[in-house]
C-alpha cells in the first residue's frame, strides 16, 4: 500500500462506449493502472448504469495517494466529449 493512511473511494461515471478504452484488451489497461497506482479500480457490470443514463460506474478505492493517482489515470483514458 503506497502512502498508507485512510482508505478513500472515488466514483467516476463514464459513458458505456468509453469503457473498452479504460479496460483495454482482456483488461490489460485497467490492470496496468491498478499496478501503477496501487488502488483498486472496479467497473460496474454491463447493463448496470447510473440511473437514467447510459453511464457505467467506475469505483476507485485505495489510500489517498493511490486513489487520486488512479483517478487521474482513469480520467486521462476517458475521451473528452464536448
C-alpha atoms as a PDB file:
ATOM      1  CA  UNK A   1       0.000   0.000   0.000  1.00  0.00           C
ATOM      2  CA  UNK A   2       1.514   3.287  -1.085  1.00  0.00           C
ATOM      3  CA  UNK A   3       1.242   6.199   1.318  1.00  0.00           C
ATOM      4  CA  UNK A   4      -0.817   4.344   3.922  1.00  0.00           C
ATOM      5  CA  UNK A   5      -3.455   6.314   5.819  1.00  0.00           C
ATOM      6  CA  UNK A   6      -7.198   6.201   5.394  1.00  0.00           C
ATOM      7  CA  UNK A   7      -8.805   4.375   2.524  1.00  0.00           C
ATOM      8  CA  UNK A   8     -10.748   6.640   0.181  1.00  0.00           C
ATOM      9  CA  UNK A   9     -13.201   5.868  -2.617  1.00  0.00           C
ATOM     10  CA  UNK A  10     -13.841   7.818  -5.782  1.00  0.00           C
ATOM     11  CA  UNK A  11     -16.653   7.086  -8.208  1.00  0.00           C
ATOM     12  CA  UNK A  12     -16.453   8.143 -11.824  1.00  0.00           C
ATOM     13  CA  UNK A  13     -19.376   7.994 -14.255  1.00  0.00           C
ATOM     14  CA  UNK A  14     -18.286   7.032 -17.756  1.00  0.00           C
ATOM     15  CA  UNK A  15     -20.306   6.593 -20.936  1.00  0.00           C
ATOM     16  CA  UNK A  16     -20.763   2.938 -21.778  1.00  0.00           C
ATOM     17  CA  UNK A  17     -18.947   3.205 -25.130  1.00  0.00           C
ATOM     18  CA  UNK A  18     -15.806   4.546 -23.381  1.00  0.00           C
ATOM     19  CA  UNK A  19     -15.457   1.503 -21.103  1.00  0.00           C
ATOM     20  CA  UNK A  20     -13.438  -0.649 -23.571  1.00  0.00           C
ATOM     21  CA  UNK A  21     -10.809   2.123 -23.751  1.00  0.00           C
ATOM     22  CA  UNK A  22     -10.422   2.057 -19.968  1.00  0.00           C
ATOM     23  CA  UNK A  23     -10.406  -1.733 -19.645  1.00  0.00           C
ATOM     24  CA  UNK A  24      -8.101  -2.408 -22.580  1.00  0.00           C
ATOM     25  CA  UNK A  25      -7.734  -5.757 -24.304  1.00  0.00           C
ATOM     26  CA  UNK A  26      -8.578  -8.503 -21.775  1.00  0.00           C
ATOM     27  CA  UNK A  27      -8.406  -5.888 -19.006  1.00  0.00           C
ATOM     28  CA  UNK A  28      -4.751  -5.001 -19.721  1.00  0.00           C
ATOM     29  CA  UNK A  29      -5.190  -1.218 -19.303  1.00  0.00           C
ATOM     30  CA  UNK A  30      -7.115  -1.407 -16.060  1.00  0.00           C
ATOM     31  CA  UNK A  31      -4.625  -3.925 -14.583  1.00  0.00           C
ATOM     32  CA  UNK A  32      -1.753  -1.633 -15.528  1.00  0.00           C
ATOM     33  CA  UNK A  33      -3.469   1.356 -13.894  1.00  0.00           C
ATOM     34  CA  UNK A  34      -4.076  -0.664 -10.708  1.00  0.00           C
ATOM     35  CA  UNK A  35      -0.433  -1.765 -10.569  1.00  0.00           C
ATOM     36  CA  UNK A  36       0.875   1.733 -11.269  1.00  0.00           C
ATOM     37  CA  UNK A  37      -1.354   3.441  -8.700  1.00  0.00           C
ATOM     38  CA  UNK A  38      -1.744   0.712  -6.065  1.00  0.00           C
ATOM     39  CA  UNK A  39      -5.517   1.342  -5.965  1.00  0.00           C
ATOM     40  CA  UNK A  40      -8.418  -0.996  -6.765  1.00  0.00           C
ATOM     41  CA  UNK A  41     -10.410   0.014  -9.861  1.00  0.00           C
ATOM     42  CA  UNK A  42     -13.761  -1.664 -10.458  1.00  0.00           C
ATOM     43  CA  UNK A  43     -16.168  -1.122 -13.349  1.00  0.00           C
ATOM     44  CA  UNK A  44     -19.899  -1.799 -12.990  1.00  0.00           C
ATOM     45  CA  UNK A  45     -21.263  -4.757 -14.946  1.00  0.00           C
ATOM     46  CA  UNK A  46     -22.509  -4.326 -18.488  1.00  0.00           C
ATOM     47  CA  UNK A  47     -26.068  -3.005 -18.288  1.00  0.00           C
ATOM     48  CA  UNK A  48     -25.519  -1.660 -14.755  1.00  0.00           C
ATOM     49  CA  UNK A  49     -25.864   2.093 -15.263  1.00  0.00           C
ATOM     50  CA  UNK A  50     -26.159   5.272 -13.280  1.00  0.00           C
ATOM     51  CA  UNK A  51     -29.986   5.562 -13.015  1.00  0.00           C
ATOM     52  CA  UNK A  52     -31.472   7.386 -16.002  1.00  0.00           C
ATOM     53  CA  UNK A  53     -28.248   7.346 -18.047  1.00  0.00           C
ATOM     54  CA  UNK A  54     -26.114   5.057 -20.203  1.00  0.00           C
ATOM     55  CA  UNK A  55     -23.153   5.730 -17.904  1.00  0.00           C
ATOM     56  CA  UNK A  56     -21.273   2.941 -16.150  1.00  0.00           C
ATOM     57  CA  UNK A  57     -19.814   3.430 -12.679  1.00  0.00           C
ATOM     58  CA  UNK A  58     -16.095   3.126 -12.041  1.00  0.00           C
ATOM     59  CA  UNK A  59     -15.176   2.777  -8.374  1.00  0.00           C
ATOM     60  CA  UNK A  60     -11.624   3.572  -7.289  1.00  0.00           C
ATOM     61  CA  UNK A  61     -10.531   2.577  -3.782  1.00  0.00           C
ATOM     62  CA  UNK A  62      -7.182   2.919  -2.038  1.00  0.00           C
ATOM     63  CA  UNK A  63      -5.067   5.202   0.099  1.00  0.00           C
ATOM     64  CA  UNK A  64      -5.491   8.915  -0.637  1.00  0.00           C
ATOM     65  CA  UNK A  65      -2.313   8.871  -2.762  1.00  0.00           C
ATOM     66  CA  UNK A  66      -3.134   5.673  -4.662  1.00  0.00           C
ATOM     67  CA  UNK A  67      -6.784   6.554  -5.284  1.00  0.00           C
ATOM     68  CA  UNK A  68      -6.053  10.051  -6.510  1.00  0.00           C
ATOM     69  CA  UNK A  69      -3.346   8.726  -8.853  1.00  0.00           C
ATOM     70  CA  UNK A  70      -5.737   6.053 -10.176  1.00  0.00           C
ATOM     71  CA  UNK A  71      -8.419   8.727 -10.631  1.00  0.00           C
ATOM     72  CA  UNK A  72      -6.007  10.757 -12.800  1.00  0.00           C
ATOM     73  CA  UNK A  73      -5.013   7.680 -14.822  1.00  0.00           C
ATOM     74  CA  UNK A  74      -8.649   6.731 -15.439  1.00  0.00           C
ATOM     75  CA  UNK A  75      -9.639  10.329 -16.284  1.00  0.00           C
ATOM     76  CA  UNK A  76      -6.819  10.522 -18.838  1.00  0.00           C
ATOM     77  CA  UNK A  77      -8.302   7.495 -20.650  1.00  0.00           C
ATOM     78  CA  UNK A  78     -11.799   8.955 -20.925  1.00  0.00           C
ATOM     79  CA  UNK A  79     -12.337  10.628 -24.307  1.00  0.00           C
ATOM     80  CA  UNK A  80     -13.260  14.257 -23.716  1.00  0.00           C
ATOM     81  CA  UNK A  81     -16.754  14.855 -25.020  1.00  0.00           C
ATOM     82  CA  UNK A  82     -17.777  18.353 -25.988  1.00  0.00           C
END
